[in-house]
Amino acid sequence: MSGVWIFKDRGFRLVENPQAAEGKTGSSKKKVLVHLQTGEVVSSYSSLEQILIGLGWERYYGGDAELYQFHKHCSSDLISLPWDFTKFTSVYMYDVVIKNRNVFHVRDI
């Protein structure tokens, strides 16, 4: 059993996801990917692709058809993103940031 025990009014209960129980979800703070050089918020895969190509990345077409992927020439790095940009969450944003240090930053809106 994992979660948090809540003690209230002489009773107690186990809450599996305490943030959801309080009406707060991890997605309440929406994140955006920012290109540091221009200050531009990445709002589409086409704008992200232009920046990545300038950094030596190229589109990778040999993988999963459900993913939008980029491969860095002369390296084993691969960035895999969901095909639908609306599913481009902070997890994917941080993957882009880690593989392109000092180029991108993730910020709260």
PDB file of N, CA and C in Angstrom:
ATOM      1  N   MET A   1       0.832  -1.168   0.000  1.00  0.00           N
ATOM      2  CA  MET A   1       0.000   0.000   0.000  1.00  0.00           C
ATOM      3  C   MET A   1       0.881   1.237   0.000  1.00  0.00           C
ATOM      4  N   SER A   2       0.622   2.131  -0.943  1.00  0.00           N
ATOM      5  CA  SER A   2       1.355   3.385  -0.958  1.00  0.00           C
ATOM      6  C   SER A   2       0.360   4.528  -0.930  1.00  0.00           C
ATOM      7  N   GLY A   3       0.776   5.639  -0.446  1.00  0.00           N
ATOM      8  CA  GLY A   3      -0.082   6.801  -0.350  1.00  0.00           C
ATOM      9  C   GLY A   3       0.199   7.553   0.933  1.00  0.00           C
ATOM     10  N   VAL A   4      -0.778   8.337   1.351  1.00  0.00           N
ATOM     11  CA  VAL A   4      -0.650   9.149   2.547  1.00  0.00           C
ATOM     12  C   VAL A   4      -1.831   8.864   3.451  1.00  0.00           C
ATOM     13  N   TRP A   5      -1.559   8.666   4.735  1.00  0.00           N
ATOM     14  CA  TRP A   5      -2.624   8.470   5.710  1.00  0.00           C
ATOM     15  C   TRP A   5      -3.101   9.838   6.182  1.00  0.00           C
ATOM     16  N   ILE A   6      -4.402  10.085   6.077  1.00  0.00           N
ATOM     17  CA  ILE A   6      -5.011  11.339   6.517  1.00  0.00           C
ATOM     18  C   ILE A   6      -5.760  11.062   7.818  1.00  0.00           C
ATOM     19  N   PHE A   7      -5.393  11.783   8.883  1.00  0.00           N
ATOM     20  CA  PHE A   7      -6.048  11.656  10.182  1.00  0.00           C
ATOM     21  C   PHE A   7      -6.928  12.882  10.383  1.00  0.00           C
ATOM     22  N   LYS A   8      -8.248  12.660  10.532  1.00  0.00           N
ATOM     23  CA  LYS A   8      -9.177  13.773  10.645  1.00  0.00           C
ATOM     24  C   LYS A   8     -10.418  13.313  11.411  1.00  0.00           C
ATOM     25  N   ASP A   9     -10.897  14.128  12.330  1.00  0.00           N
ATOM     26  CA  ASP A   9     -12.126  13.850  13.083  1.00  0.00           C
ATOM     27  C   ASP A   9     -12.119  12.458  13.711  1.00  0.00           C
ATOM     28  N   ARG A  10     -11.052  12.143  14.419  1.00  0.00           N
ATOM     29  CA  ARG A  10     -10.895  10.867  15.131  1.00  0.00           C
ATOM     30  C   ARG A  10     -10.923   9.647  14.208  1.00  0.00           C
ATOM     31  N   GLY A  11     -10.735   9.878  12.941  1.00  0.00           N
ATOM     32  CA  GLY A  11     -10.689   8.769  11.988  1.00  0.00           C
ATOM     33  C   GLY A  11      -9.476   8.923  11.092  1.00  0.00           C
ATOM     34  N   PHE A  12      -9.283   7.964  10.256  1.00  0.00           N
ATOM     35  CA  PHE A  12      -8.175   8.041   9.324  1.00  0.00           C
ATOM     36  C   PHE A  12      -8.536   7.271   8.058  1.00  0.00           C
ATOM     37  N   ARG A  13      -7.833   7.618   6.998  1.00  0.00           N
ATOM     38  CA  ARG A  13      -8.032   6.935   5.715  1.00  0.00           C
ATOM     39  C   ARG A  13      -6.766   7.052   4.892  1.00  0.00           C
ATOM     40  N   LEU A  14      -6.596   6.114   4.006  1.00  0.00           N
ATOM     41  CA  LEU A  14      -5.435   6.112   3.117  1.00  0.00           C
ATOM     42  C   LEU A  14      -5.825   6.803   1.821  1.00  0.00           C
ATOM     43  N   VAL A  15      -5.040   7.791   1.424  1.00  0.00           N
ATOM     44  CA  VAL A  15      -5.259   8.489   0.159  1.00  0.00           C
ATOM     45  C   VAL A  15      -4.135   8.076  -0.770  1.00  0.00           C
ATOM     46  N   GLU A  16      -4.508   7.416  -1.878  1.00  0.00           N
ATOM     47  CA  GLU A  16      -3.503   6.915  -2.831  1.00  0.00           C
ATOM     48  C   GLU A  16      -2.771   8.058  -3.534  1.00  0.00           C
ATOM     49  N   ASN A  17      -3.507   9.102  -3.950  1.00  0.00           N
ATOM     50  CA  ASN A  17      -2.923  10.237  -4.645  1.00  0.00           C
ATOM     51  C   ASN A  17      -3.340  11.497  -3.891  1.00  0.00           C
ATOM     52  N   PRO A  18      -2.547  11.957  -2.923  1.00  0.00           N
ATOM     53  CA  PRO A  18      -2.977  13.066  -2.078  1.00  0.00           C
ATOM     54  C   PRO A  18      -3.245  14.362  -2.833  1.00  0.00           C
ATOM     55  N   GLN A  19      -2.546  14.621  -3.919  1.00  0.00           N
ATOM     56  CA  GLN A  19      -2.787  15.851  -4.670  1.00  0.00           C
ATOM     57  C   GLN A  19      -4.172  15.831  -5.299  1.00  0.00           C
ATOM     58  N   ALA A  20      -4.599  14.688  -5.821  1.00  0.00           N
ATOM     59  CA  ALA A  20      -5.922  14.582  -6.433  1.00  0.00           C
ATOM     60  C   ALA A  20      -7.011  14.725  -5.380  1.00  0.00           C
ATOM     61  N   ALA A  21      -6.763  14.213  -4.179  1.00  0.00           N
ATOM     62  CA  ALA A  21      -7.748  14.311  -3.105  1.00  0.00           C
ATOM     63  C   ALA A  21      -7.971  15.753  -2.686  1.00  0.00           C
ATOM     64  N   GLU A  22      -6.966  16.591  -2.816  1.00  0.00           N
ATOM     65  CA  GLU A  22      -7.083  17.994  -2.447  1.00  0.00           C
ATOM     66  C   GLU A  22      -7.575  18.835  -3.613  1.00  0.00           C
ATOM     67  N   GLY A  23      -7.877  18.185  -4.743  1.00  0.00           N
ATOM     68  CA  GLY A  23      -8.329  18.920  -5.907  1.00  0.00           C
ATOM     69  C   GLY A  23      -7.194  19.515  -6.717  1.00  0.00           C
ATOM     70  N   LYS A  24      -5.980  19.068  -6.440  1.00  0.00           N
ATOM     71  CA  LYS A  24      -4.811  19.560  -7.159  1.00  0.00           C
ATOM     72  C   LYS A  24      -4.228  18.412  -7.953  1.00  0.00           C
ATOM     73  N   THR A  25      -3.973  18.639  -9.208  1.00  0.00           N
ATOM     74  CA  THR A  25      -3.310  17.617 -10.003  1.00  0.00           C
ATOM     75  C   THR A  25      -1.951  18.137 -10.418  1.00  0.00           C
ATOM     76  N   GLY A  26      -1.077  17.231 -10.762  1.00  0.00           N
ATOM     77  CA  GLY A  26       0.256  17.622 -11.191  1.00  0.00           C
ATOM     78  C   GLY A  26       0.238  18.452 -12.457  1.00  0.00           C
ATOM     79  N   SER A  27      -0.838  18.369 -13.223  1.00  0.00           N
ATOM     80  CA  SER A  27      -0.912  19.103 -14.478  1.00  0.00           C
ATOM     81  C   SER A  27      -1.542  20.478 -14.310  1.00  0.00           C
ATOM     82  N   SER A  28      -1.827  20.905 -13.070  1.00  0.00           N
ATOM     83  CA  SER A  28      -2.461  22.204 -12.874  1.00  0.00           C
ATOM     84  C   SER A  28      -1.535  23.334 -13.304  1.00  0.00           C
ATOM     85  N   LYS A  29      -0.236  23.126 -13.200  1.00  0.00           N
ATOM     86  CA  LYS A  29       0.716  24.107 -13.685  1.00  0.00           C
ATOM     87  C   LYS A  29       1.165  23.678 -15.065  1.00  0.00           C
ATOM     88  N   LYS A  30       0.648  24.314 -16.067  1.00  0.00           N
ATOM     89  CA  LYS A  30       1.010  23.971 -17.425  1.00  0.00           C
ATOM     90  C   LYS A  30       2.423  24.461 -17.711  1.00  0.00           C
ATOM     91  N   LYS A  31       3.170  23.664 -18.426  1.00  0.00           N
ATOM     92  CA  LYS A  31       4.558  23.972 -18.747  1.00  0.00           C
ATOM     93  C   LYS A  31       4.697  24.283 -20.229  1.00  0.00           C
ATOM     94  N   VAL A  32       5.706  25.059 -20.552  1.00  0.00           N
ATOM     95  CA  VAL A  32       6.028  25.352 -21.942  1.00  0.00           C
ATOM     96  C   VAL A  32       7.529  25.175 -22.144  1.00  0.00           C
ATOM     97  N   LEU A  33       7.898  24.833 -23.361  1.00  0.00           N
ATOM     98  CA  LEU A  33       9.299  24.709 -23.744  1.00  0.00           C
ATOM     99  C   LEU A  33       9.714  26.016 -24.403  1.00  0.00           C
ATOM    100  N   VAL A  34      10.785  26.614 -23.907  1.00  0.00           N
ATOM    101  CA  VAL A  34      11.246  27.907 -24.404  1.00  0.00           C
ATOM    102  C   VAL A  34      12.626  27.753 -25.026  1.00  0.00           C
ATOM    103  N   HIS A  35      12.792  28.295 -26.230  1.00  0.00           N
ATOM    104  CA  HIS A  35      14.102  28.343 -26.873  1.00  0.00           C
ATOM    105  C   HIS A  35      14.819  29.563 -26.307  1.00  0.00           C
ATOM    106  N   LEU A  36      15.923  29.349 -25.587  1.00  0.00           N
ATOM    107  CA  LEU A  36      16.576  30.420 -24.841  1.00  0.00           C
ATOM    108  C   LEU A  36      17.152  31.521 -25.722  1.00  0.00           C
ATOM    109  N   GLN A  37      17.704  31.184 -26.861  1.00  0.00           N
ATOM    110  CA  GLN A  37      18.350  32.180 -27.715  1.00  0.00           C
ATOM    111  C   GLN A  37      17.350  33.220 -28.214  1.00  0.00           C
ATOM    112  N   THR A  38      16.147  32.774 -28.575  1.00  0.00           N
ATOM    113  CA  THR A  38      15.153  33.700 -29.122  1.00  0.00           C
ATOM    114  C   THR A  38      14.079  34.083 -28.110  1.00  0.00           C
ATOM    115  N   GLY A  39      13.949  33.312 -27.027  1.00  0.00           N
ATOM    116  CA  GLY A  39      12.890  33.541 -26.060  1.00  0.00           C
ATOM    117  C   GLY A  39      11.547  33.045 -26.549  1.00  0.00           C
ATOM    118  N   GLU A  40      11.539  32.340 -27.673  1.00  0.00           N
ATOM    119  CA  GLU A  40      10.312  31.845 -28.297  1.00  0.00           C
ATOM    120  C   GLU A  40       9.791  30.607 -27.571  1.00  0.00           C
ATOM    121  N   VAL A  41       8.476  30.596 -27.324  1.00  0.00           N
ATOM    122  CA  VAL A  41       7.827  29.408 -26.788  1.00  0.00           C
ATOM    123  C   VAL A  41       7.579  28.464 -27.955  1.00  0.00           C
ATOM    124  N   VAL A  42       8.003  27.227 -27.817  1.00  0.00           N
ATOM    125  CA  VAL A  42       7.795  26.230 -28.868  1.00  0.00           C
ATOM    126  C   VAL A  42       6.314  25.861 -28.862  1.00  0.00           C
ATOM    127  N   SER A  43       5.625  26.224 -29.946  1.00  0.00           N
ATOM    128  CA  SER A  43       4.180  26.035 -29.999  1.00  0.00           C
ATOM    129  C   SER A  43       3.744  24.992 -31.022  1.00  0.00           C
ATOM    130  N   SER A  44       4.712  24.406 -31.715  1.00  0.00           N
ATOM    131  CA  SER A  44       4.388  23.367 -32.696  1.00  0.00           C
ATOM    132  C   SER A  44       5.638  22.542 -32.976  1.00  0.00           C
ATOM    133  N   TYR A  45       5.407  21.368 -33.544  1.00  0.00           N
ATOM    134  CA  TYR A  45       6.553  20.533 -33.906  1.00  0.00           C
ATOM    135  C   TYR A  45       7.334  21.132 -35.061  1.00  0.00           C
ATOM    136  N   SER A  46       6.691  21.901 -35.922  1.00  0.00           N
ATOM    137  CA  SER A  46       7.436  22.505 -37.033  1.00  0.00           C
ATOM    138  C   SER A  46       8.440  23.533 -36.506  1.00  0.00           C
ATOM    139  N   SER A  47       8.059  24.324 -35.491  1.00  0.00           N
ATOM    140  CA  SER A  47       9.023  25.280 -34.937  1.00  0.00           C
ATOM    141  C   SER A  47      10.129  24.555 -34.174  1.00  0.00           C
ATOM    142  N   LEU A  48       9.773  23.493 -33.452  1.00  0.00           N
ATOM    143  CA  LEU A  48      10.783  22.697 -32.748  1.00  0.00           C
ATOM    144  C   LEU A  48      11.738  22.048 -33.738  1.00  0.00           C
ATOM    145  N   GLU A  49      11.192  21.521 -34.821  1.00  0.00           N
ATOM    146  CA  GLU A  49      12.027  20.860 -35.832  1.00  0.00           C
ATOM    147  C   GLU A  49      13.032  21.832 -36.440  1.00  0.00           C
ATOM    148  N   GLN A  50      12.627  23.059 -36.725  1.00  0.00           N
ATOM    149  CA  GLN A  50      13.549  24.051 -37.295  1.00  0.00           C
ATOM    150  C   GLN A  50      14.720  24.306 -36.348  1.00  0.00           C
ATOM    151  N   ILE A  51      14.423  24.431 -35.068  1.00  0.00           N
ATOM    152  CA  ILE A  51      15.485  24.680 -34.084  1.00  0.00           C
ATOM    153  C   ILE A  51      16.401  23.467 -33.977  1.00  0.00           C
ATOM    154  N   LEU A  52      15.810  22.273 -33.890  1.00  0.00           N
ATOM    155  CA  LEU A  52      16.618  21.058 -33.743  1.00  0.00           C
ATOM    156  C   LEU A  52      17.495  20.809 -34.963  1.00  0.00           C
ATOM    157  N   ILE A  53      16.990  21.052 -36.153  1.00  0.00           N
ATOM    158  CA  ILE A  53      17.792  20.876 -37.368  1.00  0.00           C
ATOM    159  C   ILE A  53      19.002  21.807 -37.334  1.00  0.00           C
ATOM    160  N   GLY A  54      18.803  23.024 -36.864  1.00  0.00           N
ATOM    161  CA  GLY A  54      19.916  23.965 -36.717  1.00  0.00           C
ATOM    162  C   GLY A  54      20.953  23.516 -35.706  1.00  0.00           C
ATOM    163  N   LEU A  55      20.559  22.615 -34.809  1.00  0.00           N
ATOM    164  CA  LEU A  55      21.477  22.090 -33.795  1.00  0.00           C
ATOM    165  C   LEU A  55      22.106  20.757 -34.195  1.00  0.00           C
ATOM    166  N   GLY A  56      21.837  20.303 -35.414  1.00  0.00           N
ATOM    167  CA  GLY A  56      22.443  19.059 -35.896  1.00  0.00           C
ATOM    168  C   GLY A  56      21.560  17.829 -35.775  1.00  0.00           C
ATOM    169  N   TRP A  57      20.299  18.001 -35.401  1.00  0.00           N
ATOM    170  CA  TRP A  57      19.374  16.880 -35.324  1.00  0.00           C
ATOM    171  C   TRP A  57      18.719  16.692 -36.682  1.00  0.00           C
ATOM    172  N   GLU A  58      18.265  15.480 -36.955  1.00  0.00           N
ATOM    173  CA  GLU A  58      17.527  15.206 -38.184  1.00  0.00           C
ATOM    174  C   GLU A  58      16.337  14.314 -37.858  1.00  0.00           C
ATOM    175  N   ARG A  59      15.305  14.426 -38.691  1.00  0.00           N
ATOM    176  CA  ARG A  59      14.119  13.591 -38.470  1.00  0.00           C
ATOM    177  C   ARG A  59      14.487  12.137 -38.665  1.00  0.00           C
ATOM    178  N   TYR A  60      13.948  11.286 -37.809  1.00  0.00           N
ATOM    179  CA  TYR A  60      14.173   9.847 -37.889  1.00  0.00           C
ATOM    180  C   TYR A  60      12.854   9.201 -38.278  1.00  0.00           C
ATOM    181  N   TYR A  61      12.857   8.515 -39.422  1.00  0.00           N
ATOM    182  CA  TYR A  61      11.631   7.927 -39.948  1.00  0.00           C
ATOM    183  C   TYR A  61      11.558   6.419 -39.779  1.00  0.00           C
ATOM    184  N   GLY A  62      12.556   5.777 -39.220  1.00  0.00           N
ATOM    185  CA  GLY A  62      12.590   4.326 -39.137  1.00  0.00           C
ATOM    186  C   GLY A  62      11.933   3.726 -37.916  1.00  0.00           C
ATOM    187  N   GLY A  63      11.346   4.537 -37.057  1.00  0.00           N
ATOM    188  CA  GLY A  63      10.801   4.035 -35.798  1.00  0.00           C
ATOM    189  C   GLY A  63       9.300   3.857 -35.833  1.00  0.00           C
ATOM    190  N   ASP A  64       8.700   4.037 -34.709  1.00  0.00           N
ATOM    191  CA  ASP A  64       7.267   3.882 -34.496  1.00  0.00           C
ATOM    192  C   ASP A  64       6.502   4.982 -35.240  1.00  0.00           C
ATOM    193  N   ALA A  65       5.471   4.600 -35.969  1.00  0.00           N
ATOM    194  CA  ALA A  65       4.663   5.561 -36.720  1.00  0.00           C
ATOM    195  C   ALA A  65       3.866   6.476 -35.796  1.00  0.00           C
ATOM    196  N   GLU A  66       3.704   6.119 -34.537  1.00  0.00           N
ATOM    197  CA  GLU A  66       2.963   6.928 -33.563  1.00  0.00           C
ATOM    198  C   GLU A  66       3.841   8.016 -32.931  1.00  0.00           C
ATOM    199  N   LEU A  67       5.131   8.024 -33.269  1.00  0.00           N
ATOM    200  CA  LEU A  67       6.060   8.964 -32.654  1.00  0.00           C
ATOM    201  C   LEU A  67       6.683   9.900 -33.675  1.00  0.00           C
ATOM    202  N   TYR A  68       6.989  11.070 -33.220  1.00  0.00           N
ATOM    203  CA  TYR A  68       7.728  12.071 -33.983  1.00  0.00           C
ATOM    204  C   TYR A  68       9.137  12.016 -33.410  1.00  0.00           C
ATOM    205  N   GLN A  69      10.131  11.563 -34.208  1.00  0.00           N
ATOM    206  CA  GLN A  69      11.454  11.304 -33.657  1.00  0.00           C
ATOM    207  C   GLN A  69      12.550  12.096 -34.357  1.00  0.00           C
ATOM    208  N   PHE A  70      13.584  12.412 -33.564  1.00  0.00           N
ATOM    209  CA  PHE A  70      14.765  13.104 -34.063  1.00  0.00           C
ATOM    210  C   PHE A  70      16.000  12.346 -33.607  1.00  0.00           C
ATOM    211  N   HIS A  71      16.980  12.280 -34.496  1.00  0.00           N
ATOM    212  CA  HIS A  71      18.235  11.591 -34.222  1.00  0.00           C
ATOM    213  C   HIS A  71      19.370  12.575 -34.428  1.00  0.00           C
ATOM    214  N   LYS A  72      20.330  12.547 -33.533  1.00  0.00           N
ATOM    215  CA  LYS A  72      21.492  13.424 -33.668  1.00  0.00           C
ATOM    216  C   LYS A  72      22.576  12.674 -34.415  1.00  0.00           C
ATOM    217  N   HIS A  73      23.044  13.269 -35.490  1.00  0.00           N
ATOM    218  CA  HIS A  73      24.074  12.671 -36.335  1.00  0.00           C
ATOM    219  C   HIS A  73      25.329  12.400 -35.497  1.00  0.00           C
ATOM    220  N   CYS A  74      25.957  11.268 -35.718  1.00  0.00           N
ATOM    221  CA  CYS A  74      27.183  10.843 -35.023  1.00  0.00           C
ATOM    222  C   CYS A  74      26.966  10.672 -33.518  1.00  0.00           C
ATOM    223  N   SER A  75      25.794  10.237 -33.128  1.00  0.00           N
ATOM    224  CA  SER A  75      25.503  10.002 -31.717  1.00  0.00           C
ATOM    225  C   SER A  75      24.395   8.966 -31.615  1.00  0.00           C
ATOM    226  N   SER A  76      24.208   8.447 -30.436  1.00  0.00           N
ATOM    227  CA  SER A  76      23.130   7.477 -30.230  1.00  0.00           C
ATOM    228  C   SER A  76      21.888   8.142 -29.642  1.00  0.00           C
ATOM    229  N   ASP A  77      21.891   9.471 -29.528  1.00  0.00           N
ATOM    230  CA  ASP A  77      20.753  10.189 -28.960  1.00  0.00           C
ATOM    231  C   ASP A  77      19.543  10.136 -29.880  1.00  0.00           C
ATOM    232  N   LEU A  78      18.391   9.928 -29.268  1.00  0.00           N
ATOM    233  CA  LEU A  78      17.124   9.900 -29.994  1.00  0.00           C
ATOM    234  C   LEU A  78      16.086  10.604 -29.138  1.00  0.00           C
ATOM    235  N   ILE A  79      15.371  11.538 -29.738  1.00  0.00           N
ATOM    236  CA  ILE A  79      14.263  12.212 -29.062  1.00  0.00           C
ATOM    237  C   ILE A  79      12.984  11.646 -29.648  1.00  0.00           C
ATOM    238  N   SER A  80      12.140  11.072 -28.808  1.00  0.00           N
ATOM    239  CA  SER A  80      10.861  10.506 -29.240  1.00  0.00           C
ATOM    240  C   SER A  80       9.733  11.303 -28.604  1.00  0.00           C
ATOM    241  N   LEU A  81       8.848  11.824 -29.441  1.00  0.00           N
ATOM    242  CA  LEU A  81       7.746  12.667 -28.988  1.00  0.00           C
ATOM    243  C   LEU A  81       6.433  12.093 -29.492  1.00  0.00           C
ATOM    244  N   PRO A  82       5.340  12.312 -28.772  1.00  0.00           N
ATOM    245  CA  PRO A  82       4.044  11.824 -29.259  1.00  0.00           C
ATOM    246  C   PRO A  82       3.671  12.551 -30.554  1.00  0.00           C
ATOM    247  N   TRP A  83       3.031  11.835 -31.466  1.00  0.00           N
ATOM    248  CA  TRP A  83       2.682  12.416 -32.762  1.00  0.00           C
ATOM    249  C   TRP A  83       1.774  13.638 -32.595  1.00  0.00           C
ATOM    250  N   ASP A  84       0.892  13.612 -31.626  1.00  0.00           N
ATOM    251  CA  ASP A  84      -0.050  14.689 -31.366  1.00  0.00           C
ATOM    252  C   ASP A  84       0.606  15.726 -30.443  1.00  0.00           C
ATOM    253  N   PHE A  85       0.766  16.956 -30.914  1.00  0.00           N
ATOM    254  CA  PHE A  85       1.448  17.994 -30.140  1.00  0.00           C
ATOM    255  C   PHE A  85       0.711  18.326 -28.842  1.00  0.00           C
ATOM    256  N   THR A  86      -0.584  18.095 -28.781  1.00  0.00           N
ATOM    257  CA  THR A  86      -1.329  18.374 -27.548  1.00  0.00           C
ATOM    258  C   THR A  86      -0.907  17.431 -26.415  1.00  0.00           C
ATOM    259  N   LYS A  87      -0.236  16.335 -26.745  1.00  0.00           N
ATOM    260  CA  LYS A  87       0.266  15.391 -25.742  1.00  0.00           C
ATOM    261  C   LYS A  87       1.743  15.621 -25.421  1.00  0.00           C
ATOM    262  N   PHE A  88       2.280  16.729 -25.894  1.00  0.00           N
ATOM    263  CA  PHE A  88       3.672  17.115 -25.652  1.00  0.00           C
ATOM    264  C   PHE A  88       3.762  17.705 -24.241  1.00  0.00           C
ATOM    265  N   THR A  89       3.963  16.834 -23.258  1.00  0.00           N
ATOM    266  CA  THR A  89       3.958  17.224 -21.850  1.00  0.00           C
ATOM    267  C   THR A  89       5.369  17.533 -21.361  1.00  0.00           C
ATOM    268  N   SER A  90       5.457  17.920 -20.101  1.00  0.00           N
ATOM    269  CA  SER A  90       6.753  18.304 -19.533  1.00  0.00           C
ATOM    270  C   SER A  90       7.770  17.162 -19.553  1.00  0.00           C
ATOM    271  N   VAL A  91       7.318  15.926 -19.497  1.00  0.00           N
ATOM    272  CA  VAL A  91       8.244  14.789 -19.562  1.00  0.00           C
ATOM    273  C   VAL A  91       9.022  14.828 -20.875  1.00  0.00           C
ATOM    274  N   TYR A  92       8.333  15.069 -21.972  1.00  0.00           N
ATOM    275  CA  TYR A  92       8.986  15.155 -23.281  1.00  0.00           C
ATOM    276  C   TYR A  92       9.821  16.423 -23.382  1.00  0.00           C
ATOM    277  N   MET A  93       9.326  17.506 -22.806  1.00  0.00           N
ATOM    278  CA  MET A  93      10.070  18.768 -22.841  1.00  0.00           C
ATOM    279  C   MET A  93      11.419  18.621 -22.148  1.00  0.00           C
ATOM    280  N   TYR A  94      11.419  17.962 -20.984  1.00  0.00           N
ATOM    281  CA  TYR A  94      12.677  17.778 -20.265  1.00  0.00           C
ATOM    282  C   TYR A  94      13.638  16.864 -21.023  1.00  0.00           C
ATOM    283  N   ASP A  95      13.113  15.923 -21.804  1.00  0.00           N
ATOM    284  CA  ASP A  95      13.972  15.081 -22.636  1.00  0.00           C
ATOM    285  C   ASP A  95      14.695  15.947 -23.673  1.00  0.00           C
ATOM    286  N   VAL A  96      13.970  16.894 -24.269  1.00  0.00           N
ATOM    287  CA  VAL A  96      14.574  17.816 -25.238  1.00  0.00           C
ATOM    288  C   VAL A  96      15.622  18.686 -24.547  1.00  0.00           C
ATOM    289  N   VAL A  97      15.300  19.178 -23.359  1.00  0.00           N
ATOM    290  CA  VAL A  97      16.231  20.043 -22.616  1.00  0.00           C
ATOM    291  C   VAL A  97      17.513  19.303 -22.263  1.00  0.00           C
ATOM    292  N   ILE A  98      17.392  18.090 -21.763  1.00  0.00           N
ATOM    293  CA  ILE A  98      18.575  17.328 -21.348  1.00  0.00           C
ATOM    294  C   ILE A  98      19.489  17.025 -22.516  1.00  0.00           C
ATOM    295  N   LYS A  99      18.910  16.777 -23.668  1.00  0.00           N
ATOM    296  CA  LYS A  99      19.726  16.432 -24.838  1.00  0.00           C
ATOM    297  C   LYS A  99      20.201  17.661 -25.600  1.00  0.00           C
ATOM    298  N   ASN A 100      19.814  18.849 -25.150  1.00  0.00           N
ATOM    299  CA  ASN A 100      20.231  20.111 -25.774  1.00  0.00           C
ATOM    300  C   ASN A 100      20.489  21.135 -24.666  1.00  0.00           C
ATOM    301  N   ARG A 101      21.472  20.871 -23.866  1.00  0.00           N
ATOM    302  CA  ARG A 101      21.762  21.731 -22.714  1.00  0.00           C
ATOM    303  C   ARG A 101      22.051  23.171 -23.161  1.00  0.00           C
ATOM    304  N   ASN A 102      21.573  24.112 -22.367  1.00  0.00           N
ATOM    305  CA  ASN A 102      21.766  25.546 -22.594  1.00  0.00           C
ATOM    306  C   ASN A 102      21.092  26.061 -23.865  1.00  0.00           C
ATOM    307  N   VAL A 103      20.151  25.299 -24.398  1.00  0.00           N
ATOM    308  CA  VAL A 103      19.427  25.731 -25.594  1.00  0.00           C
ATOM    309  C   VAL A 103      17.941  25.919 -25.297  1.00  0.00           C
ATOM    310  N   PHE A 104      17.392  25.050 -24.459  1.00  0.00           N
ATOM    311  CA  PHE A 104      15.978  25.087 -24.122  1.00  0.00           C
ATOM    312  C   PHE A 104      15.812  25.164 -22.609  1.00  0.00           C
ATOM    313  N   HIS A 105      14.611  25.600 -22.211  1.00  0.00           N
ATOM    314  CA  HIS A 105      14.260  25.661 -20.796  1.00  0.00           C
ATOM    315  C   HIS A 105      12.760  25.376 -20.678  1.00  0.00           C
ATOM    316  N   VAL A 106      12.366  24.691 -19.616  1.00  0.00           N
ATOM    317  CA  VAL A 106      10.943  24.438 -19.369  1.00  0.00           C
ATOM    318  C   VAL A 106      10.488  25.415 -18.296  1.00  0.00           C
ATOM    319  N   ARG A 107       9.380  26.101 -18.577  1.00  0.00           N
ATOM    320  CA  ARG A 107       8.847  27.095 -17.639  1.00  0.00           C
ATOM    321  C   ARG A 107       7.367  26.862 -17.389  1.00  0.00           C
ATOM    322  N   ASP A 108       6.910  27.305 -16.211  1.00  0.00           N
ATOM    323  CA  ASP A 108       5.476  27.323 -15.924  1.00  0.00           C
ATOM    324  C   ASP A 108       4.843  28.477 -16.681  1.00  0.00           C
ATOM    325  N   ILE A 109       3.602  28.293 -17.070  1.00  0.00           N
ATOM    326  CA  ILE A 109       2.884  29.399 -17.724  1.00  0.00           C
ATOM    327  C   ILE A 109       2.468  30.387 -16.666  1.00  0.00           C
TER     328      ILE A 109
END
